[in-house]
Structure formats: C-alpha cells, structure tokens
PDB file of all heavy atoms in Angstrom:
ATOM      1  N   ASP A   1      36.941  66.829  -2.128  1.00  0.00           N
ATOM      2  CA  ASP A   1      38.305  66.892  -2.489  1.00  0.00           C
ATOM      3  C   ASP A   1      38.607  67.966  -3.585  1.00  0.00           C
ATOM      4  O   ASP A   1      39.746  68.130  -3.943  1.00  0.00           O
ATOM      5  CB  ASP A   1      38.835  65.546  -2.866  1.00  0.00           C
ATOM      6  CG  ASP A   1      38.092  64.898  -3.999  1.00  0.00           C
ATOM      7  OD1 ASP A   1      37.191  65.621  -4.499  1.00  0.00           O
ATOM      8  OD2 ASP A   1      38.342  63.720  -4.384  1.00  0.00           O
ATOM      9  N   GLY A   2      37.567  68.618  -4.120  1.00  0.00           N
ATOM     10  CA  GLY A   2      37.743  69.516  -5.117  1.00  0.00           C
ATOM     11  C   GLY A   2      37.789  69.055  -6.547  1.00  0.00           C
ATOM     12  O   GLY A   2      37.945  69.759  -7.496  1.00  0.00           O
ATOM     13  N   VAL A   3      37.734  67.748  -6.702  1.00  0.00           N
ATOM     14  CA  VAL A   3      37.785  67.046  -8.019  1.00  0.00           C
ATOM     15  C   VAL A   3      36.396  66.948  -8.671  1.00  0.00           C
ATOM     16  O   VAL A   3      35.309  66.670  -8.031  1.00  0.00           O
ATOM     17  CB  VAL A   3      38.319  65.630  -7.965  1.00  0.00           C
ATOM     18  CG1 VAL A   3      38.380  64.945  -9.195  1.00  0.00           C
ATOM     19  CG2 VAL A   3      39.741  65.682  -7.252  1.00  0.00           C
ATOM     20  N   THR A   4      36.283  67.419  -9.963  1.00  0.00           N
ATOM     21  CA  THR A   4      35.095  67.392 -10.662  1.00  0.00           C
ATOM     22  C   THR A   4      34.923  66.058 -11.308  1.00  0.00           C
ATOM     23  O   THR A   4      35.909  65.676 -11.949  1.00  0.00           O
ATOM     24  CB  THR A   4      34.933  68.613 -11.620  1.00  0.00           C
ATOM     25  OG1 THR A   4      35.103  69.820 -10.981  1.00  0.00           O
ATOM     26  CG2 THR A   4      33.698  68.541 -12.436  1.00  0.00           C
ATOM     27  N   ARG A   5      33.796  65.541 -11.254  1.00  0.00           N
ATOM     28  CA  ARG A   5      33.453  64.204 -11.762  1.00  0.00           C
ATOM     29  C   ARG A   5      32.254  64.236 -12.615  1.00  0.00           C
ATOM     30  O   ARG A   5      31.278  64.928 -12.391  1.00  0.00           O
ATOM     31  CB  ARG A   5      33.296  63.127 -10.765  1.00  0.00           C
ATOM     32  CG  ARG A   5      34.436  62.792  -9.851  1.00  0.00           C
ATOM     33  CD  ARG A   5      34.265  61.757  -8.761  1.00  0.00           C
ATOM     34  NE  ARG A   5      35.335  61.628  -8.008  1.00  0.00           N
ATOM     35  CZ  ARG A   5      35.849  62.388  -6.986  1.00  0.00           C
ATOM     36  NH1 ARG A   5      35.201  63.414  -6.666  1.00  0.00           N
ATOM     37  NH2 ARG A   5      36.934  62.096  -6.307  1.00  0.00           N
ATOM     38  N   ASP A   6      32.243  63.474 -13.724  1.00  0.00           N
ATOM     39  CA  ASP A   6      31.073  63.363 -14.569  1.00  0.00           C
ATOM     40  C   ASP A   6      30.013  62.386 -13.987  1.00  0.00           C
ATOM     41  O   ASP A   6      30.467  61.323 -13.458  1.00  0.00           O
ATOM     42  CB  ASP A   6      31.483  62.788 -16.007  1.00  0.00           C
ATOM     43  CG  ASP A   6      32.311  63.738 -16.780  1.00  0.00           C
ATOM     44  OD1 ASP A   6      32.255  64.921 -16.553  1.00  0.00           O
ATOM     45  OD2 ASP A   6      33.144  63.317 -17.634  1.00  0.00           O
ATOM     46  N   VAL A   7      28.806  62.804 -13.861  1.00  0.00           N
ATOM     47  CA  VAL A   7      27.833  61.925 -13.294  1.00  0.00           C
ATOM     48  C   VAL A   7      26.533  61.878 -14.142  1.00  0.00           C
ATOM     49  O   VAL A   7      25.499  62.284 -13.649  1.00  0.00           O
ATOM     50  CB  VAL A   7      27.522  62.428 -11.792  1.00  0.00           C
ATOM     51  CG1 VAL A   7      28.641  62.251 -10.873  1.00  0.00           C
ATOM     52  CG2 VAL A   7      27.145  63.872 -11.789  1.00  0.00           C
ATOM     53  N   PRO A   8      26.610  61.431 -15.352  1.00  0.00           N
ATOM     54  CA  PRO A   8      25.457  61.262 -16.126  1.00  0.00           C
ATOM     55  C   PRO A   8      24.521  60.157 -15.513  1.00  0.00           C
ATOM     56  O   PRO A   8      25.006  59.241 -14.939  1.00  0.00           O
ATOM     57  CB  PRO A   8      25.856  60.863 -17.480  1.00  0.00           C
ATOM     58  CG  PRO A   8      27.117  60.198 -17.228  1.00  0.00           C
ATOM     59  CD  PRO A   8      27.780  60.878 -15.999  1.00  0.00           C
ATOM     60  N   PRO A   9      23.218  60.334 -15.532  1.00  0.00           N
ATOM     61  CA  PRO A   9      22.382  59.177 -15.034  1.00  0.00           C
ATOM     62  C   PRO A   9      22.488  57.975 -15.900  1.00  0.00           C
ATOM     63  O   PRO A   9      22.692  58.051 -17.132  1.00  0.00           O
ATOM     64  CB  PRO A   9      20.927  59.830 -15.228  1.00  0.00           C
ATOM     65  CG  PRO A   9      20.988  60.835 -16.372  1.00  0.00           C
ATOM     66  CD  PRO A   9      22.514  61.386 -16.166  1.00  0.00           C
ATOM     67  N   ASP A  10      22.396  56.781 -15.236  1.00  0.00           N
ATOM     68  CA  ASP A  10      22.540  55.560 -15.941  1.00  0.00           C
ATOM     69  C   ASP A  10      21.222  55.097 -16.386  1.00  0.00           C
ATOM     70  O   ASP A  10      20.410  54.234 -15.723  1.00  0.00           O
ATOM     71  CB  ASP A  10      23.167  54.480 -15.033  1.00  0.00           C
ATOM     72  CG  ASP A  10      23.529  53.299 -15.653  1.00  0.00           C
ATOM     73  OD1 ASP A  10      23.045  53.068 -16.919  1.00  0.00           O
ATOM     74  OD2 ASP A  10      24.156  52.321 -15.071  1.00  0.00           O
ATOM     75  N   VAL A  11      20.584  55.678 -17.473  1.00  0.00           N
ATOM     76  CA  VAL A  11      19.249  55.444 -17.887  1.00  0.00           C
ATOM     77  C   VAL A  11      19.088  53.967 -18.249  1.00  0.00           C
ATOM     78  O   VAL A  11      18.014  53.430 -17.873  1.00  0.00           O
ATOM     79  CB  VAL A  11      19.080  56.358 -19.132  1.00  0.00           C
ATOM     80  CG1 VAL A  11      17.677  56.129 -19.644  1.00  0.00           C
ATOM     81  CG2 VAL A  11      19.151  57.802 -18.744  1.00  0.00           C
ATOM     82  N   ALA A  12      19.982  53.312 -18.727  1.00  0.00           N
ATOM     83  CA  ALA A  12      19.792  51.934 -19.223  1.00  0.00           C
ATOM     84  C   ALA A  12      19.574  51.049 -17.960  1.00  0.00           C
ATOM     85  O   ALA A  12      18.684  50.133 -17.993  1.00  0.00           O
ATOM     86  CB  ALA A  12      21.036  51.482 -20.021  1.00  0.00           C
ATOM     87  N   THR A  13      20.464  51.171 -17.029  1.00  0.00           N
ATOM     88  CA  THR A  13      20.261  50.345 -15.775  1.00  0.00           C
ATOM     89  C   THR A  13      18.915  50.727 -15.044  1.00  0.00           C
ATOM     90  O   THR A  13      18.164  49.783 -14.660  1.00  0.00           O
ATOM     91  CB  THR A  13      21.316  50.648 -14.836  1.00  0.00           C
ATOM     92  OG1 THR A  13      22.661  50.362 -15.372  1.00  0.00           O
ATOM     93  CG2 THR A  13      21.250  49.805 -13.506  1.00  0.00           C
ATOM     94  N   LEU A  14      18.498  51.944 -14.950  1.00  0.00           N
ATOM     95  CA  LEU A  14      17.239  52.292 -14.248  1.00  0.00           C
ATOM     96  C   LEU A  14      16.120  51.742 -15.215  1.00  0.00           C
ATOM     97  O   LEU A  14      15.071  51.271 -14.563  1.00  0.00           O
ATOM     98  CB  LEU A  14      17.077  53.794 -14.192  1.00  0.00           C
ATOM     99  CG  LEU A  14      18.075  54.586 -13.239  1.00  0.00           C
ATOM    100  CD1 LEU A  14      17.915  55.979 -13.328  1.00  0.00           C
ATOM    101  CD2 LEU A  14      17.836  54.071 -11.845  1.00  0.00           C
ATOM    102  N   ARG A  15      16.153  51.754 -16.495  1.00  0.00           N
ATOM    103  CA  ARG A  15      15.114  51.163 -17.327  1.00  0.00           C
ATOM    104  C   ARG A  15      14.951  49.757 -17.058  1.00  0.00           C
ATOM    105  O   ARG A  15      13.911  49.158 -16.983  1.00  0.00           O
ATOM    106  CB  ARG A  15      15.411  51.523 -18.889  1.00  0.00           C
ATOM    107  CG  ARG A  15      14.247  51.006 -19.699  1.00  0.00           C
ATOM    108  CD  ARG A  15      14.477  51.504 -21.230  1.00  0.00           C
ATOM    109  NE  ARG A  15      14.078  52.907 -21.184  1.00  0.00           N
ATOM    110  CZ  ARG A  15      14.907  53.800 -21.556  1.00  0.00           C
ATOM    111  NH1 ARG A  15      16.129  53.574 -21.851  1.00  0.00           N
ATOM    112  NH2 ARG A  15      14.575  55.164 -21.628  1.00  0.00           N
ATOM    113  N   ALA A  16      16.157  49.076 -17.079  1.00  0.00           N
ATOM    114  CA  ALA A  16      16.173  47.565 -16.877  1.00  0.00           C
ATOM    115  C   ALA A  16      15.628  47.194 -15.482  1.00  0.00           C
ATOM    116  O   ALA A  16      14.875  46.214 -15.416  1.00  0.00           O
ATOM    117  CB  ALA A  16      17.559  47.063 -16.801  1.00  0.00           C
ATOM    118  N   ILE A  17      15.818  47.967 -14.439  1.00  0.00           N
ATOM    119  CA  ILE A  17      15.281  47.738 -13.141  1.00  0.00           C
ATOM    120  C   ILE A  17      13.679  47.870 -13.304  1.00  0.00           C
ATOM    121  O   ILE A  17      13.026  47.027 -12.743  1.00  0.00           O
ATOM    122  CB  ILE A  17      15.831  48.672 -12.064  1.00  0.00           C
ATOM    123  CG1 ILE A  17      17.303  48.372 -11.783  1.00  0.00           C
ATOM    124  CG2 ILE A  17      15.042  48.606 -10.769  1.00  0.00           C
ATOM    125  CD1 ILE A  17      18.030  49.502 -10.975  1.00  0.00           C
ATOM    126  N   ALA A  18      13.273  48.963 -13.809  1.00  0.00           N
ATOM    127  CA  ALA A  18      11.789  49.167 -13.941  1.00  0.00           C
ATOM    128  C   ALA A  18      11.142  48.031 -14.730  1.00  0.00           C
ATOM    129  O   ALA A  18      10.083  47.586 -14.274  1.00  0.00           O
ATOM    130  CB  ALA A  18      11.481  50.555 -14.586  1.00  0.00           C
ATOM    131  N   GLU A  19      11.687  47.635 -15.841  1.00  0.00           N
ATOM    132  CA  GLU A  19      11.139  46.610 -16.674  1.00  0.00           C
ATOM    133  C   GLU A  19      11.122  45.338 -16.030  1.00  0.00           C
ATOM    134  O   GLU A  19      10.190  44.586 -16.101  1.00  0.00           O
ATOM    135  CB  GLU A  19      11.907  46.502 -17.953  1.00  0.00           C
ATOM    136  CG  GLU A  19      11.681  47.647 -18.939  1.00  0.00           C
ATOM    137  CD  GLU A  19      12.481  47.579 -20.214  1.00  0.00           C
ATOM    138  OE1 GLU A  19      13.316  46.600 -20.345  1.00  0.00           O
ATOM    139  OE2 GLU A  19      12.385  48.512 -21.021  1.00  0.00           O
ATOM    140  N   ARG A  20      12.211  44.958 -15.191  1.00  0.00           N
ATOM    141  CA  ARG A  20      12.214  43.665 -14.576  1.00  0.00           C
ATOM    142  C   ARG A  20      11.273  43.514 -13.486  1.00  0.00           C
ATOM    143  O   ARG A  20      10.718  42.477 -13.115  1.00  0.00           O
ATOM    144  CB  ARG A  20      13.646  43.498 -14.012  1.00  0.00           C
ATOM    145  CG  ARG A  20      13.889  42.151 -13.440  1.00  0.00           C
ATOM    146  CD  ARG A  20      15.333  41.887 -13.105  1.00  0.00           C
ATOM    147  NE  ARG A  20      15.431  40.488 -12.662  1.00  0.00           N
ATOM    148  CZ  ARG A  20      16.568  39.891 -12.396  1.00  0.00           C
ATOM    149  NH1 ARG A  20      17.631  40.596 -12.669  1.00  0.00           N
ATOM    150  NH2 ARG A  20      16.631  38.656 -11.960  1.00  0.00           N
ATOM    151  N   THR A  21      10.875  44.633 -12.770  1.00  0.00           N
ATOM    152  CA  THR A  21       9.948  44.603 -11.689  1.00  0.00           C
ATOM    153  C   THR A  21       8.510  44.975 -12.119  1.00  0.00           C
ATOM    154  O   THR A  21       7.598  44.852 -11.317  1.00  0.00           O
ATOM    155  CB  THR A  21      10.320  45.613 -10.592  1.00  0.00           C
ATOM    156  OG1 THR A  21      10.360  46.916 -11.237  1.00  0.00           O
ATOM    157  CG2 THR A  21      11.658  45.309 -10.156  1.00  0.00           C
ATOM    158  N   GLY A  22       8.261  45.240 -13.397  1.00  0.00           N
ATOM    159  CA  GLY A  22       6.865  45.589 -13.790  1.00  0.00           C
ATOM    160  C   GLY A  22       6.544  47.036 -13.631  1.00  0.00           C
ATOM    161  O   GLY A  22       5.394  47.413 -13.772  1.00  0.00           O
ATOM    162  N   GLY A  23       7.542  47.847 -13.384  1.00  0.00           N
ATOM    163  CA  GLY A  23       7.361  49.321 -13.140  1.00  0.00           C
ATOM    164  C   GLY A  23       7.574  50.059 -14.461  1.00  0.00           C
ATOM    165  O   GLY A  23       7.290  49.473 -15.553  1.00  0.00           O
ATOM    166  N   GLU A  24       7.821  51.305 -14.338  1.00  0.00           N
ATOM    167  CA  GLU A  24       8.107  52.063 -15.555  1.00  0.00           C
ATOM    168  C   GLU A  24       9.233  53.000 -15.385  1.00  0.00           C
ATOM    169  O   GLU A  24       9.528  53.512 -14.116  1.00  0.00           O
ATOM    170  CB  GLU A  24       6.864  52.897 -15.860  1.00  0.00           C
ATOM    171  CG  GLU A  24       6.826  53.551 -17.158  1.00  0.00           C
ATOM    172  CD  GLU A  24       5.479  54.262 -17.497  1.00  0.00           C
ATOM    173  OE1 GLU A  24       4.459  53.901 -16.876  1.00  0.00           O
ATOM    174  OE2 GLU A  24       5.394  55.029 -18.467  1.00  0.00           O
ATOM    175  N   ALA A  25       9.988  53.380 -16.433  1.00  0.00           N
ATOM    176  CA  ALA A  25      11.262  54.199 -16.272  1.00  0.00           C
ATOM    177  C   ALA A  25      10.896  55.594 -16.816  1.00  0.00           C
ATOM    178  O   ALA A  25      10.167  55.699 -17.859  1.00  0.00           O
ATOM    179  CB  ALA A  25      12.395  53.573 -17.017  1.00  0.00           C
ATOM    180  N   PHE A  26      11.303  56.597 -16.139  1.00  0.00           N
ATOM    181  CA  PHE A  26      11.043  57.972 -16.702  1.00  0.00           C
ATOM    182  C   PHE A  26      12.394  58.706 -16.569  1.00  0.00           C
ATOM    183  O   PHE A  26      13.344  58.349 -15.884  1.00  0.00           O
ATOM    184  CB  PHE A  26      10.219  58.790 -15.606  1.00  0.00           C
ATOM    185  CG  PHE A  26       8.751  58.151 -15.484  1.00  0.00           C
ATOM    186  CD1 PHE A  26       8.489  57.253 -14.576  1.00  0.00           C
ATOM    187  CD2 PHE A  26       7.848  58.543 -16.398  1.00  0.00           C
ATOM    188  CE1 PHE A  26       7.261  56.698 -14.369  1.00  0.00           C
ATOM    189  CE2 PHE A  26       6.501  57.941 -16.291  1.00  0.00           C
ATOM    190  CZ  PHE A  26       6.201  57.041 -15.347  1.00  0.00           C
ATOM    191  N   SER A  27      12.603  59.760 -17.465  1.00  0.00           N
ATOM    192  CA  SER A  27      13.713  60.613 -17.384  1.00  0.00           C
ATOM    193  C   SER A  27      13.328  62.124 -17.319  1.00  0.00           C
ATOM    194  O   SER A  27      12.201  62.561 -17.718  1.00  0.00           O
ATOM    195  CB  SER A  27      14.438  60.647 -18.800  1.00  0.00           C
ATOM    196  OG  SER A  27      15.009  59.219 -18.952  1.00  0.00           O
ATOM    197  N   ALA A  28      14.082  62.915 -16.606  1.00  0.00           N
ATOM    198  CA  ALA A  28      13.798  64.279 -16.482  1.00  0.00           C
ATOM    199  C   ALA A  28      15.159  65.025 -16.487  1.00  0.00           C
ATOM    200  O   ALA A  28      16.113  64.784 -15.686  1.00  0.00           O
ATOM    201  CB  ALA A  28      13.157  64.547 -15.010  1.00  0.00           C
ATOM    202  N   ASP A  29      15.184  65.975 -17.377  1.00  0.00           N
ATOM    203  CA  ASP A  29      16.328  66.765 -17.567  1.00  0.00           C
ATOM    204  C   ASP A  29      16.422  68.067 -16.741  1.00  0.00           C
ATOM    205  O   ASP A  29      17.378  68.617 -16.505  1.00  0.00           O
ATOM    206  CB  ASP A  29      16.640  67.081 -19.056  1.00  0.00           C
ATOM    207  CG  ASP A  29      16.927  65.879 -19.805  1.00  0.00           C
ATOM    208  OD1 ASP A  29      17.423  64.959 -19.372  1.00  0.00           O
ATOM    209  OD2 ASP A  29      16.663  65.892 -21.149  1.00  0.00           O
ATOM    210  N   ASP A  30      15.149  68.553 -16.408  1.00  0.00           N
ATOM    211  CA  ASP A  30      15.073  69.768 -15.707  1.00  0.00           C
ATOM    212  C   ASP A  30      13.760  69.702 -14.675  1.00  0.00           C
ATOM    213  O   ASP A  30      13.157  68.700 -14.681  1.00  0.00           O
ATOM    214  CB  ASP A  30      14.902  70.917 -16.590  1.00  0.00           C
ATOM    215  CG  ASP A  30      13.659  70.782 -17.565  1.00  0.00           C
ATOM    216  OD1 ASP A  30      12.601  70.398 -17.094  1.00  0.00           O
ATOM    217  OD2 ASP A  30      13.856  71.308 -18.708  1.00  0.00           O
TER     218      ASP A  30
END
C-alpha cells in the first residue's frame, strides 16, 4: 500500500521462546 512501517525484531520474545524450550537465542544485525 506504499506505507512504510517500523519492523524491529522482537528480541525479548524470541529470547523467551528459546529459554522456555531449552534452546538458545541469537541476534544478527547484518
């Protein structure tokens, strides 16, 4: 639709998912 939206990654939610399941959370900026 031509509208620009902010889409930062939800690091906190991803970290919580990884911790709850026994996995690990990673971040990558590039």
